[in-house]
């Protein structure tokens, strides 16, 4: 019988993280966020309802489609490319 509790798993993860290099801890956190995302989505749907979420998405789509928003997004993308080319970015690895 498996008697491992949630707290035991939590302690195990913390102990593992203590001995990992920082880049591997970042990967562990990234993976945990990846695992958590569907749960957060399910909770959001339960709390807000699909109709309200669809309305919010439509609102954001309308905002992002404006000329001003497109210009801002292009500026931000350009800044991100400059940072990437300067070696200030790192890939997100989940494996």
PDB file of N, CA and C in Angstrom:
ATOM      1  N   UNK A   1       0.842  -1.178   0.000  1.00  0.00           N
ATOM      2  CA  UNK A   1       0.000   0.000   0.000  1.00  0.00           C
ATOM      3  C   UNK A   1       0.890   1.246   0.000  1.00  0.00           C
ATOM      4  N   UNK A   2       0.502   2.245  -0.773  1.00  0.00           N
ATOM      5  CA  UNK A   2       1.274   3.478  -0.869  1.00  0.00           C
ATOM      6  C   UNK A   2       0.805   4.447   0.212  1.00  0.00           C
ATOM      7  N   UNK A   3       1.678   4.732   1.165  1.00  0.00           N
ATOM      8  CA  UNK A   3       1.308   5.622   2.271  1.00  0.00           C
ATOM      9  C   UNK A   3       2.022   6.964   2.192  1.00  0.00           C
ATOM     10  N   UNK A   4       2.582   7.270   1.027  1.00  0.00           N
ATOM     11  CA  UNK A   4       3.274   8.548   0.857  1.00  0.00           C
ATOM     12  C   UNK A   4       2.226   9.651   0.846  1.00  0.00           C
ATOM     13  N   UNK A   5       2.434  10.656   1.675  1.00  0.00           N
ATOM     14  CA  UNK A   5       1.476  11.759   1.757  1.00  0.00           C
ATOM     15  C   UNK A   5       1.938  12.930   0.904  1.00  0.00           C
ATOM     16  N   UNK A   6       1.043  13.860   0.731  1.00  0.00           N
ATOM     17  CA  UNK A   6       1.360  15.081  -0.016  1.00  0.00           C
ATOM     18  C   UNK A   6       2.555  15.790   0.629  1.00  0.00           C
ATOM     19  N   UNK A   7       2.568  15.860   1.953  1.00  0.00           N
ATOM     20  CA  UNK A   7       3.682  16.515   2.665  1.00  0.00           C
ATOM     21  C   UNK A   7       4.997  15.780   2.419  1.00  0.00           C
ATOM     22  N   UNK A   8       4.947  14.445   2.346  1.00  0.00           N
ATOM     23  CA  UNK A   8       6.161  13.676   2.065  1.00  0.00           C
ATOM     24  C   UNK A   8       6.699  14.024   0.679  1.00  0.00           C
ATOM     25  N   UNK A   9       5.801  14.102  -0.294  1.00  0.00           N
ATOM     26  CA  UNK A   9       6.219  14.466  -1.653  1.00  0.00           C
ATOM     27  C   UNK A   9       6.785  15.878  -1.680  1.00  0.00           C
ATOM     28  N   UNK A  10       6.154  16.764  -0.944  1.00  0.00           N
ATOM     29  CA  UNK A  10       6.629  18.149  -0.876  1.00  0.00           C
ATOM     30  C   UNK A  10       8.045  18.196  -0.310  1.00  0.00           C
ATOM     31  N   UNK A  11       8.280  17.482   0.770  1.00  0.00           N
ATOM     32  CA  UNK A  11       9.612  17.439   1.376  1.00  0.00           C
ATOM     33  C   UNK A  11      10.634  16.832   0.418  1.00  0.00           C
ATOM     34  N   UNK A  12      10.236  15.792  -0.295  1.00  0.00           N
ATOM     35  CA  UNK A  12      11.131  15.152  -1.255  1.00  0.00           C
ATOM     36  C   UNK A  12      11.531  16.135  -2.346  1.00  0.00           C
ATOM     37  N   UNK A  13      10.561  16.870  -2.892  1.00  0.00           N
ATOM     38  CA  UNK A  13      10.863  17.854  -3.927  1.00  0.00           C
ATOM     39  C   UNK A  13      11.789  18.948  -3.411  1.00  0.00           C
ATOM     40  N   UNK A  14      11.540  19.418  -2.216  1.00  0.00           N
ATOM     41  CA  UNK A  14      12.396  20.458  -1.629  1.00  0.00           C
ATOM     42  C   UNK A  14      13.817  19.935  -1.442  1.00  0.00           C
ATOM     43  N   UNK A  15      13.944  18.715  -0.946  1.00  0.00           N
ATOM     44  CA  UNK A  15      15.279  18.131  -0.754  1.00  0.00           C
ATOM     45  C   UNK A  15      16.004  17.948  -2.081  1.00  0.00           C
ATOM     46  N   UNK A  16      15.279  17.530  -3.109  1.00  0.00           N
ATOM     47  CA  UNK A  16      15.889  17.387  -4.433  1.00  0.00           C
ATOM     48  C   UNK A  16      16.358  18.748  -4.938  1.00  0.00           C
ATOM     49  N   UNK A  17      15.492  19.747  -4.810  1.00  0.00           N
ATOM     50  CA  UNK A  17      15.807  21.093  -5.318  1.00  0.00           C
ATOM     51  C   UNK A  17      17.028  21.679  -4.626  1.00  0.00           C
ATOM     52  N   UNK A  18      17.235  21.356  -3.364  1.00  0.00           N
ATOM     53  CA  UNK A  18      18.375  21.902  -2.620  1.00  0.00           C
ATOM     54  C   UNK A  18      19.717  21.498  -3.215  1.00  0.00           C
ATOM     55  N   UNK A  19      19.757  20.337  -3.851  1.00  0.00           N
ATOM     56  CA  UNK A  19      21.028  19.830  -4.351  1.00  0.00           C
ATOM     57  C   UNK A  19      21.200  19.984  -5.862  1.00  0.00           C
ATOM     58  N   UNK A  20      20.201  20.538  -6.519  1.00  0.00           N
ATOM     59  CA  UNK A  20      20.300  20.744  -7.959  1.00  0.00           C
ATOM     60  C   UNK A  20      20.988  22.069  -8.262  1.00  0.00           C
ATOM     61  N   UNK A  21      21.688  22.133  -9.393  1.00  0.00           N
ATOM     62  CA  UNK A  21      22.208  23.432  -9.830  1.00  0.00           C
ATOM     63  C   UNK A  21      21.038  24.355 -10.159  1.00  0.00           C
ATOM     64  N   UNK A  22      21.263  25.653 -10.093  1.00  0.00           N
ATOM     65  CA  UNK A  22      20.168  26.618 -10.235  1.00  0.00           C
ATOM     66  C   UNK A  22      19.419  26.466 -11.557  1.00  0.00           C
ATOM     67  N   UNK A  23      20.124  26.145 -12.642  1.00  0.00           N
ATOM     68  CA  UNK A  23      19.418  25.998 -13.916  1.00  0.00           C
ATOM     69  C   UNK A  23      18.458  24.809 -13.896  1.00  0.00           C
ATOM     70  N   UNK A  24      18.802  23.761 -13.165  1.00  0.00           N
ATOM     71  CA  UNK A  24      17.911  22.597 -13.057  1.00  0.00           C
ATOM     72  C   UNK A  24      16.729  22.905 -12.134  1.00  0.00           C
ATOM     73  N   UNK A  25      16.943  23.729 -11.115  1.00  0.00           N
ATOM     74  CA  UNK A  25      15.826  24.150 -10.259  1.00  0.00           C
ATOM     75  C   UNK A  25      14.837  24.956 -11.090  1.00  0.00           C
ATOM     76  N   UNK A  26      15.347  25.833 -11.953  1.00  0.00           N
ATOM     77  CA  UNK A  26      14.479  26.610 -12.834  1.00  0.00           C
ATOM     78  C   UNK A  26      13.676  25.687 -13.741  1.00  0.00           C
ATOM     79  N   UNK A  27      14.299  24.622 -14.227  1.00  0.00           N
ATOM     80  CA  UNK A  27      13.590  23.658 -15.062  1.00  0.00           C
ATOM     81  C   UNK A  27      12.508  22.929 -14.260  1.00  0.00           C
ATOM     82  N   UNK A  28      12.828  22.622 -13.007  1.00  0.00           N
ATOM     83  CA  UNK A  28      11.857  21.964 -12.133  1.00  0.00           C
ATOM     84  C   UNK A  28      10.639  22.868 -11.914  1.00  0.00           C
ATOM     85  N   UNK A  29      10.889  24.138 -11.681  1.00  0.00           N
ATOM     86  CA  UNK A  29       9.797  25.100 -11.490  1.00  0.00           C
ATOM     87  C   UNK A  29       8.993  25.248 -12.776  1.00  0.00           C
ATOM     88  N   UNK A  30       9.674  25.347 -13.911  1.00  0.00           N
ATOM     89  CA  UNK A  30       8.978  25.432 -15.198  1.00  0.00           C
ATOM     90  C   UNK A  30       8.072  24.220 -15.404  1.00  0.00           C
ATOM     91  N   UNK A  31       8.587  23.042 -15.094  1.00  0.00           N
ATOM     92  CA  UNK A  31       7.798  21.829 -15.273  1.00  0.00           C
ATOM     93  C   UNK A  31       6.615  21.798 -14.311  1.00  0.00           C
ATOM     94  N   UNK A  32       6.820  22.233 -13.085  1.00  0.00           N
ATOM     95  CA  UNK A  32       5.723  22.288 -12.123  1.00  0.00           C
ATOM     96  C   UNK A  32       4.626  23.240 -12.607  1.00  0.00           C
ATOM     97  N   UNK A  33       5.023  24.377 -13.169  1.00  0.00           N
ATOM     98  CA  UNK A  33       4.040  25.320 -13.725  1.00  0.00           C
ATOM     99  C   UNK A  33       3.306  24.698 -14.902  1.00  0.00           C
ATOM    100  N   UNK A  34       4.025  23.931 -15.723  1.00  0.00           N
ATOM    101  CA  UNK A  34       3.414  23.230 -16.843  1.00  0.00           C
ATOM    102  C   UNK A  34       2.351  22.250 -16.331  1.00  0.00           C
ATOM    103  N   UNK A  35       2.671  21.518 -15.277  1.00  0.00           N
ATOM    104  CA  UNK A  35       1.717  20.563 -14.704  1.00  0.00           C
ATOM    105  C   UNK A  35       0.531  21.268 -14.050  1.00  0.00           C
ATOM    106  N   UNK A  36       0.773  22.440 -13.506  1.00  0.00           N
ATOM    107  CA  UNK A  36      -0.272  23.181 -12.799  1.00  0.00           C
ATOM    108  C   UNK A  36      -1.249  23.872 -13.748  1.00  0.00           C
ATOM    109  N   UNK A  37      -0.812  24.215 -14.950  1.00  0.00           N
ATOM    110  CA  UNK A  37      -1.623  25.011 -15.885  1.00  0.00           C
ATOM    111  C   UNK A  37      -3.006  24.422 -16.158  1.00  0.00           C
ATOM    112  N   UNK A  38      -3.139  23.125 -16.449  1.00  0.00           N
ATOM    113  CA  UNK A  38      -4.483  22.599 -16.702  1.00  0.00           C
ATOM    114  C   UNK A  38      -5.405  22.695 -15.486  1.00  0.00           C
ATOM    115  N   UNK A  39      -4.839  22.559 -14.307  1.00  0.00           N
ATOM    116  CA  UNK A  39      -5.642  22.662 -13.084  1.00  0.00           C
ATOM    117  C   UNK A  39      -6.142  24.091 -12.914  1.00  0.00           C
ATOM    118  N   UNK A  40      -5.256  25.065 -13.170  1.00  0.00           N
ATOM    119  CA  UNK A  40      -5.661  26.465 -13.078  1.00  0.00           C
ATOM    120  C   UNK A  40      -6.740  26.781 -14.098  1.00  0.00           C
ATOM    121  N   UNK A  41      -6.605  26.220 -15.301  1.00  0.00           N
ATOM    122  CA  UNK A  41      -7.613  26.439 -16.342  1.00  0.00           C
ATOM    123  C   UNK A  41      -8.958  25.863 -15.925  1.00  0.00           C
ATOM    124  N   UNK A  42      -8.943  24.654 -15.389  1.00  0.00           N
ATOM    125  CA  UNK A  42     -10.185  24.019 -14.925  1.00  0.00           C
ATOM    126  C   UNK A  42     -10.833  24.847 -13.819  1.00  0.00           C
ATOM    127  N   UNK A  43     -10.031  25.328 -12.886  1.00  0.00           N
ATOM    128  CA  UNK A  43     -10.563  26.140 -11.792  1.00  0.00           C
ATOM    129  C   UNK A  43     -11.151  27.451 -12.303  1.00  0.00           C
ATOM    130  N   UNK A  44     -10.483  28.054 -13.276  1.00  0.00           N
ATOM    131  CA  UNK A  44     -10.977  29.295 -13.857  1.00  0.00           C
ATOM    132  C   UNK A  44     -12.330  29.078 -14.528  1.00  0.00           C
ATOM    133  N   UNK A  45     -12.454  27.987 -15.261  1.00  0.00           N
ATOM    134  CA  UNK A  45     -13.720  27.685 -15.925  1.00  0.00           C
ATOM    135  C   UNK A  45     -14.818  27.465 -14.889  1.00  0.00           C
ATOM    136  N   UNK A  46     -14.495  26.787 -13.807  1.00  0.00           N
ATOM    137  CA  UNK A  46     -15.483  26.552 -12.745  1.00  0.00           C
ATOM    138  C   UNK A  46     -15.911  27.865 -12.097  1.00  0.00           C
ATOM    139  N   UNK A  47     -14.941  28.758 -11.871  1.00  0.00           N
ATOM    140  CA  UNK A  47     -15.230  30.015 -11.184  1.00  0.00           C
ATOM    141  C   UNK A  47     -15.954  31.014 -12.075  1.00  0.00           C
ATOM    142  N   UNK A  48     -15.487  31.176 -13.309  1.00  0.00           N
ATOM    143  CA  UNK A  48     -16.021  32.223 -14.169  1.00  0.00           C
ATOM    144  C   UNK A  48     -17.067  31.721 -15.153  1.00  0.00           C
ATOM    145  N   UNK A  49     -16.933  30.515 -15.597  1.00  0.00           N
ATOM    146  CA  UNK A  49     -17.837  29.993 -16.604  1.00  0.00           C
ATOM    147  C   UNK A  49     -17.293  30.271 -17.998  1.00  0.00           C
ATOM    148  N   UNK A  50     -17.588  29.375 -18.901  1.00  0.00           N
ATOM    149  CA  UNK A  50     -17.022  29.437 -20.245  1.00  0.00           C
ATOM    150  C   UNK A  50     -17.505  30.665 -21.009  1.00  0.00           C
ATOM    151  N   UNK A  51     -18.738  31.106 -20.796  1.00  0.00           N
ATOM    152  CA  UNK A  51     -19.249  32.274 -21.511  1.00  0.00           C
ATOM    153  C   UNK A  51     -18.488  33.540 -21.128  1.00  0.00           C
ATOM    154  N   UNK A  52     -18.224  33.706 -19.854  1.00  0.00           N
ATOM    155  CA  UNK A  52     -17.473  34.879 -19.391  1.00  0.00           C
ATOM    156  C   UNK A  52     -16.032  34.841 -19.903  1.00  0.00           C
ATOM    157  N   UNK A  53     -15.437  33.666 -19.919  1.00  0.00           N
ATOM    158  CA  UNK A  53     -14.067  33.531 -20.431  1.00  0.00           C
ATOM    159  C   UNK A  53     -14.035  33.852 -21.918  1.00  0.00           C
ATOM    160  N   UNK A  54     -15.023  33.355 -22.669  1.00  0.00           N
ATOM    161  CA  UNK A  54     -15.087  33.660 -24.102  1.00  0.00           C
ATOM    162  C   UNK A  54     -15.254  35.158 -24.336  1.00  0.00           C
ATOM    163  N   UNK A  55     -16.067  35.814 -23.506  1.00  0.00           N
ATOM    164  CA  UNK A  55     -16.257  37.260 -23.640  1.00  0.00           C
ATOM    165  C   UNK A  55     -14.945  38.003 -23.356  1.00  0.00           C
ATOM    166  N   UNK A  56     -14.220  37.564 -22.328  1.00  0.00           N
ATOM    167  CA  UNK A  56     -12.920  38.170 -22.018  1.00  0.00           C
ATOM    168  C   UNK A  56     -11.940  37.980 -23.178  1.00  0.00           C
ATOM    169  N   UNK A  57     -11.913  36.782 -23.736  1.00  0.00           N
ATOM    170  CA  UNK A  57     -11.013  36.513 -24.864  1.00  0.00           C
ATOM    171  C   UNK A  57     -11.362  37.384 -26.066  1.00  0.00           C
ATOM    172  N   UNK A  58     -12.648  37.540 -26.331  1.00  0.00           N
ATOM    173  CA  UNK A  58     -13.076  38.383 -27.443  1.00  0.00           C
ATOM    174  C   UNK A  58     -12.656  39.833 -27.215  1.00  0.00           C
ATOM    175  N   UNK A  59     -12.789  40.287 -25.962  1.00  0.00           N
ATOM    176  CA  UNK A  59     -12.372  41.652 -25.615  1.00  0.00           C
ATOM    177  C   UNK A  59     -10.879  41.839 -25.867  1.00  0.00           C
ATOM    178  N   UNK A  60     -10.056  40.873 -25.404  1.00  0.00           N
ATOM    179  CA  UNK A  60      -8.611  40.961 -25.614  1.00  0.00           C
ATOM    180  C   UNK A  60      -8.268  40.910 -27.095  1.00  0.00           C
ATOM    181  N   UNK A  61      -8.953  40.043 -27.843  1.00  0.00           N
ATOM    182  CA  UNK A  61      -8.704  39.972 -29.287  1.00  0.00           C
ATOM    183  C   UNK A  61      -8.965  41.318 -29.949  1.00  0.00           C
ATOM    184  N   UNK A  62     -10.032  41.993 -29.529  1.00  0.00           N
ATOM    185  CA  UNK A  62     -10.372  43.303 -30.081  1.00  0.00           C
ATOM    186  C   UNK A  62      -9.293  44.331 -29.722  1.00  0.00           C
ATOM    187  N   UNK A  63      -8.841  44.308 -28.463  1.00  0.00           N
ATOM    188  CA  UNK A  63      -7.799  45.242 -28.031  1.00  0.00           C
ATOM    189  C   UNK A  63      -6.490  45.016 -28.786  1.00  0.00           C
ATOM    190  N   UNK A  64      -6.108  43.774 -28.934  1.00  0.00           N
ATOM    191  CA  UNK A  64      -4.832  43.453 -29.571  1.00  0.00           C
ATOM    192  C   UNK A  64      -4.863  43.779 -31.059  1.00  0.00           C
ATOM    193  N   UNK A  65      -6.035  43.790 -31.652  1.00  0.00           N
ATOM    194  CA  UNK A  65      -6.149  44.049 -33.091  1.00  0.00           C
ATOM    195  C   UNK A  65      -5.994  45.523 -33.453  1.00  0.00           C
ATOM    196  N   UNK A  66      -5.949  46.412 -32.465  1.00  0.00           N
ATOM    197  CA  UNK A  66      -5.837  47.835 -32.778  1.00  0.00           C
ATOM    198  C   UNK A  66      -4.449  48.156 -33.319  1.00  0.00           C
ATOM    199  N   UNK A  67      -4.363  49.235 -34.070  1.00  0.00           N
ATOM    200  CA  UNK A  67      -3.088  49.679 -34.651  1.00  0.00           C
ATOM    201  C   UNK A  67      -2.089  49.995 -33.541  1.00  0.00           C
ATOM    202  N   UNK A  68      -2.560  50.647 -32.490  1.00  0.00           N
ATOM    203  CA  UNK A  68      -1.678  51.021 -31.376  1.00  0.00           C
ATOM    204  C   UNK A  68      -1.103  49.771 -30.696  1.00  0.00           C
ATOM    205  N   UNK A  69      -1.959  48.775 -30.471  1.00  0.00           N
ATOM    206  CA  UNK A  69      -1.502  47.547 -29.821  1.00  0.00           C
ATOM    207  C   UNK A  69      -0.512  46.801 -30.703  1.00  0.00           C
ATOM    208  N   UNK A  70      -0.779  46.754 -32.003  1.00  0.00           N
ATOM    209  CA  UNK A  70       0.130  46.068 -32.921  1.00  0.00           C
ATOM    210  C   UNK A  70       1.499  46.744 -32.931  1.00  0.00           C
ATOM    211  N   UNK A  71       1.507  48.079 -32.898  1.00  0.00           N
ATOM    212  CA  UNK A  71       2.778  48.810 -32.859  1.00  0.00           C
ATOM    213  C   UNK A  71       3.540  48.494 -31.580  1.00  0.00           C
ATOM    214  N   UNK A  72       2.830  48.442 -30.458  1.00  0.00           N
ATOM    215  CA  UNK A  72       3.468  48.119 -29.181  1.00  0.00           C
ATOM    216  C   UNK A  72       4.014  46.690 -29.193  1.00  0.00           C
ATOM    217  N   UNK A  73       3.240  45.750 -29.728  1.00  0.00           N
ATOM    218  CA  UNK A  73       3.697  44.361 -29.795  1.00  0.00           C
ATOM    219  C   UNK A  73       4.931  44.230 -30.689  1.00  0.00           C
ATOM    220  N   UNK A  74       4.938  44.947 -31.807  1.00  0.00           N
ATOM    221  CA  UNK A  74       6.109  44.923 -32.690  1.00  0.00           C
ATOM    222  C   UNK A  74       7.337  45.501 -31.988  1.00  0.00           C
ATOM    223  N   UNK A  75       7.135  46.583 -31.222  1.00  0.00           N
ATOM    224  CA  UNK A  75       8.243  47.189 -30.468  1.00  0.00           C
ATOM    225  C   UNK A  75       8.784  46.195 -29.439  1.00  0.00           C
ATOM    226  N   UNK A  76       7.875  45.547 -28.702  1.00  0.00           N
ATOM    227  CA  UNK A  76       8.289  44.579 -27.686  1.00  0.00           C
ATOM    228  C   UNK A  76       9.004  43.387 -28.324  1.00  0.00           C
ATOM    229  N   UNK A  77       8.512  42.929 -29.474  1.00  0.00           N
ATOM    230  CA  UNK A  77       9.162  41.816 -30.169  1.00  0.00           C
ATOM    231  C   UNK A  77      10.563  42.217 -30.607  1.00  0.00           C
ATOM    232  N   UNK A  78      10.706  43.446 -31.094  1.00  0.00           N
ATOM    233  CA  UNK A  78      12.028  43.934 -31.489  1.00  0.00           C
ATOM    234  C   UNK A  78      12.985  43.977 -30.315  1.00  0.00           C
ATOM    235  N   UNK A  79      12.492  44.447 -29.169  1.00  0.00           N
ATOM    236  CA  UNK A  79      13.328  44.488 -27.964  1.00  0.00           C
ATOM    237  C   UNK A  79      13.731  43.087 -27.532  1.00  0.00           C
ATOM    238  N   UNK A  80      12.802  42.148 -27.644  1.00  0.00           N
ATOM    239  CA  UNK A  80      13.107  40.768 -27.272  1.00  0.00           C
ATOM    240  C   UNK A  80      14.166  40.181 -28.196  1.00  0.00           C
ATOM    241  N   UNK A  81      14.072  40.474 -29.486  1.00  0.00           N
ATOM    242  CA  UNK A  81      15.084  39.992 -30.428  1.00  0.00           C
ATOM    243  C   UNK A  81      16.459  40.577 -30.131  1.00  0.00           C
ATOM    244  N   UNK A  82      16.502  41.854 -29.783  1.00  0.00           N
ATOM    245  CA  UNK A  82      17.781  42.489 -29.430  1.00  0.00           C
ATOM    246  C   UNK A  82      18.388  41.788 -28.217  1.00  0.00           C
ATOM    247  N   UNK A  83      17.569  41.529 -27.204  1.00  0.00           N
ATOM    248  CA  UNK A  83      18.060  40.833 -26.007  1.00  0.00           C
ATOM    249  C   UNK A  83      18.533  39.426 -26.344  1.00  0.00           C
ATOM    250  N   UNK A  84      17.777  38.740 -27.201  1.00  0.00           N
ATOM    251  CA  UNK A  84      18.153  37.378 -27.582  1.00  0.00           C
ATOM    252  C   UNK A  84      19.482  37.377 -28.326  1.00  0.00           C
ATOM    253  N   UNK A  85      19.618  38.287 -29.279  1.00  0.00           N
ATOM    254  CA  UNK A  85      20.865  38.361 -30.054  1.00  0.00           C
ATOM    255  C   UNK A  85      22.056  38.760 -29.188  1.00  0.00           C
ATOM    256  N   UNK A  86      21.786  39.461 -28.091  1.00  0.00           N
ATOM    257  CA  UNK A  86      22.852  39.866 -27.167  1.00  0.00           C
ATOM    258  C   UNK A  86      23.176  38.766 -26.151  1.00  0.00           C
ATOM    259  N   UNK A  87      22.487  37.636 -26.266  1.00  0.00           N
ATOM    260  CA  UNK A  87      22.745  36.511 -25.358  1.00  0.00           C
ATOM    261  C   UNK A  87      22.130  36.671 -23.991  1.00  0.00           C
ATOM    262  N   UNK A  88      21.112  37.522 -23.877  1.00  0.00           N
ATOM    263  CA  UNK A  88      20.482  37.750 -22.573  1.00  0.00           C
ATOM    264  C   UNK A  88      19.266  36.871 -22.323  1.00  0.00           C
ATOM    265  N   UNK A  89      19.024  35.907 -23.194  1.00  0.00           N
ATOM    266  CA  UNK A  89      17.887  35.017 -23.022  1.00  0.00           C
ATOM    267  C   UNK A  89      18.383  33.594 -22.838  1.00  0.00           C
ATOM    268  N   UNK A  90      17.506  32.730 -22.400  1.00  0.00           N
ATOM    269  CA  UNK A  90      17.859  31.332 -22.270  1.00  0.00           C
ATOM    270  C   UNK A  90      16.651  30.492 -22.665  1.00  0.00           C
ATOM    271  N   UNK A  91      16.869  29.325 -23.216  1.00  0.00           N
ATOM    272  CA  UNK A  91      15.742  28.485 -23.615  1.00  0.00           C
ATOM    273  C   UNK A  91      15.034  27.897 -22.395  1.00  0.00           C
ATOM    274  N   UNK A  92      13.759  27.671 -22.540  1.00  0.00           N
ATOM    275  CA  UNK A  92      13.001  27.018 -21.481  1.00  0.00           C
ATOM    276  C   UNK A  92      13.030  25.515 -21.775  1.00  0.00           C
ATOM    277  N   UNK A  93      13.551  24.754 -20.848  1.00  0.00           N
ATOM    278  CA  UNK A  93      13.674  23.311 -21.046  1.00  0.00           C
ATOM    279  C   UNK A  93      12.823  22.589 -20.029  1.00  0.00           C
ATOM    280  N   UNK A  94      11.989  21.673 -20.507  1.00  0.00           N
ATOM    281  CA  UNK A  94      11.134  20.910 -19.610  1.00  0.00           C
ATOM    282  C   UNK A  94      11.587  19.472 -19.477  1.00  0.00           C
ATOM    283  N   UNK A  95      12.750  19.156 -20.014  1.00  0.00           N
ATOM    284  CA  UNK A  95      13.204  17.773 -19.914  1.00  0.00           C
ATOM    285  C   UNK A  95      14.496  17.675 -19.142  1.00  0.00           C
TER     286      UNK A  95
END
